[in-house]
Amino acid sequence: MAAGVYHYTNEGRINWHEFALAIKDLIQSDCEVKAIPTIQYPTPAKRPAWSVLDKTKIKETYQLEIPDWKTSLEVCMGKMQ
């Protein structure tokens, strides 16, 4: 095993608004989900405007096949019902 930092996330790219909409659709909610710019959600940490984790190291080291985020969300939500 190679030393260092390993990043793990599901495959695909999504923002928090799209994630909330996907959950809304899965639970068949009629709630309103509003998008807001990052500037309207201040946090103590400085965050880049665009960031996606590079999973190359963990995928190559452990020969992982990582599922798409939507597949994992569906599994997760199914376990919560």
C-alpha atoms as a PDB file:
ATOM      1  CA  MET A   1       0.000   0.000   0.000  1.00  0.00           C
ATOM      2  CA  ALA A   2       1.311   3.420  -0.914  1.00  0.00           C
ATOM      3  CA  ALA A   3       1.518   5.935   1.906  1.00  0.00           C
ATOM      4  CA  GLY A   4      -0.261   9.249   1.764  1.00  0.00           C
ATOM      5  CA  VAL A   5      -3.730  10.619   1.296  1.00  0.00           C
ATOM      6  CA  TYR A   6      -6.445   8.631  -0.441  1.00  0.00           C
ATOM      7  CA  HIS A   7      -9.613  10.317  -1.682  1.00  0.00           C
ATOM      8  CA  TYR A   8     -12.863   8.400  -2.058  1.00  0.00           C
ATOM      9  CA  THR A   9     -16.147   9.613  -3.443  1.00  0.00           C
ATOM     10  CA  ASN A  10     -18.638   8.048  -5.763  1.00  0.00           C
ATOM     11  CA  GLU A  11     -18.179   8.505  -9.489  1.00  0.00           C
ATOM     12  CA  GLY A  12     -19.779  11.432 -11.239  1.00  0.00           C
ATOM     13  CA  ARG A  13     -19.972  15.109 -10.501  1.00  0.00           C
ATOM     14  CA  ILE A  14     -22.788  16.876  -8.729  1.00  0.00           C
ATOM     15  CA  ASN A  15     -23.367  20.029  -6.734  1.00  0.00           C
ATOM     16  CA  TRP A  16     -25.348  20.356  -3.495  1.00  0.00           C
ATOM     17  CA  HIS A  17     -28.418  21.702  -5.298  1.00  0.00           C
ATOM     18  CA  GLU A  18     -28.492  18.795  -7.742  1.00  0.00           C
ATOM     19  CA  PHE A  19     -27.982  16.393  -4.830  1.00  0.00           C
ATOM     20  CA  ALA A  20     -30.972  17.855  -2.977  1.00  0.00           C
ATOM     21  CA  LEU A  21     -33.089  17.619  -6.137  1.00  0.00           C
ATOM     22  CA  ALA A  22     -32.107  13.958  -6.600  1.00  0.00           C
ATOM     23  CA  ILE A  23     -33.177  13.184  -3.020  1.00  0.00           C
ATOM     24  CA  LYS A  24     -36.417  15.107  -3.547  1.00  0.00           C
ATOM     25  CA  ASP A  25     -37.140  13.029  -6.655  1.00  0.00           C
ATOM     26  CA  LEU A  26     -36.319   9.722  -4.946  1.00  0.00           C
ATOM     27  CA  ILE A  27     -38.639  10.396  -2.017  1.00  0.00           C
ATOM     28  CA  GLN A  28     -41.249  11.931  -4.310  1.00  0.00           C
ATOM     29  CA  SER A  29     -41.424  15.110  -2.263  1.00  0.00           C
ATOM     30  CA  ASP A  30     -43.228  18.217  -3.396  1.00  0.00           C
ATOM     31  CA  CYS A  31     -40.964  20.512  -1.365  1.00  0.00           C
ATOM     32  CA  GLU A  32     -39.289  23.425  -3.092  1.00  0.00           C
ATOM     33  CA  VAL A  33     -35.515  23.258  -3.444  1.00  0.00           C
ATOM     34  CA  LYS A  34     -33.903  26.599  -4.158  1.00  0.00           C
ATOM     35  CA  ALA A  35     -30.390  27.035  -5.455  1.00  0.00           C
ATOM     36  CA  ILE A  36     -28.215  29.652  -3.795  1.00  0.00           C
ATOM     37  CA  PRO A  37     -24.753  30.869  -4.721  1.00  0.00           C
ATOM     38  CA  THR A  38     -21.892  29.882  -2.442  1.00  0.00           C
ATOM     39  CA  ILE A  39     -21.498  33.480  -1.337  1.00  0.00           C
ATOM     40  CA  GLN A  40     -24.913  33.221   0.360  1.00  0.00           C
ATOM     41  CA  TYR A  41     -23.769  30.239   2.406  1.00  0.00           C
ATOM     42  CA  PRO A  42     -20.716  31.525   4.246  1.00  0.00           C
ATOM     43  CA  THR A  43     -18.429  29.062   6.018  1.00  0.00           C
ATOM     44  CA  PRO A  44     -15.279  29.672   8.069  1.00  0.00           C
ATOM     45  CA  ALA A  45     -13.218  27.639   5.597  1.00  0.00           C
ATOM     46  CA  LYS A  46     -12.194  29.155   2.262  1.00  0.00           C
ATOM     47  CA  ARG A  47     -13.480  26.923  -0.495  1.00  0.00           C
ATOM     48  CA  PRO A  48     -12.568  26.819  -4.183  1.00  0.00           C
ATOM     49  CA  ALA A  49     -15.275  27.650  -6.697  1.00  0.00           C
ATOM     50  CA  TRP A  50     -14.789  24.211  -8.299  1.00  0.00           C
ATOM     51  CA  SER A  51     -13.351  21.131  -6.656  1.00  0.00           C
ATOM     52  CA  VAL A  52     -13.528  17.465  -7.523  1.00  0.00           C
ATOM     53  CA  LEU A  53     -11.472  14.864  -5.668  1.00  0.00           C
ATOM     54  CA  ASP A  54      -8.966  12.821  -7.671  1.00  0.00           C
ATOM     55  CA  LYS A  55      -9.598   9.143  -6.875  1.00  0.00           C
ATOM     56  CA  THR A  56      -6.869   7.776  -9.141  1.00  0.00           C
ATOM     57  CA  LYS A  57      -4.600   6.678  -6.286  1.00  0.00           C
ATOM     58  CA  ILE A  58      -7.213   4.679  -4.361  1.00  0.00           C
ATOM     59  CA  LYS A  59      -8.670   3.153  -7.536  1.00  0.00           C
ATOM     60  CA  GLU A  60      -5.275   2.000  -8.782  1.00  0.00           C
ATOM     61  CA  THR A  61      -3.919   0.869  -5.387  1.00  0.00           C
ATOM     62  CA  TYR A  62      -6.993  -1.190  -4.490  1.00  0.00           C
ATOM     63  CA  GLN A  63      -8.315  -1.956  -7.983  1.00  0.00           C
ATOM     64  CA  LEU A  64     -11.670  -0.438  -7.047  1.00  0.00           C
ATOM     65  CA  GLU A  65     -14.697  -0.089  -9.238  1.00  0.00           C
ATOM     66  CA  ILE A  66     -16.538   2.834  -7.693  1.00  0.00           C
ATOM     67  CA  PRO A  67     -20.275   3.184  -8.308  1.00  0.00           C
ATOM     68  CA  ASP A  68     -21.930   6.319  -9.617  1.00  0.00           C
ATOM     69  CA  TRP A  69     -23.254   8.698  -6.956  1.00  0.00           C
ATOM     70  CA  LYS A  70     -26.869   8.219  -8.041  1.00  0.00           C
ATOM     71  CA  THR A  71     -26.672   4.439  -7.687  1.00  0.00           C
ATOM     72  CA  SER A  72     -25.276   4.789  -4.175  1.00  0.00           C
ATOM     73  CA  LEU A  73     -27.878   7.410  -3.266  1.00  0.00           C
ATOM     74  CA  GLU A  74     -30.674   5.086  -4.380  1.00  0.00           C
ATOM     75  CA  VAL A  75     -29.231   2.261  -2.244  1.00  0.00           C
ATOM     76  CA  CYS A  76     -28.851   4.569   0.753  1.00  0.00           C
ATOM     77  CA  MET A  77     -32.351   5.993   0.471  1.00  0.00           C
ATOM     78  CA  GLY A  78     -33.755   2.482   0.032  1.00  0.00           C
ATOM     79  CA  LYS A  79     -32.194   1.456   3.339  1.00  0.00           C
ATOM     80  CA  MET A  80     -33.736   4.444   5.102  1.00  0.00           C
ATOM     81  CA  GLN A  81     -37.312   3.570   4.142  1.00  0.00           C
END
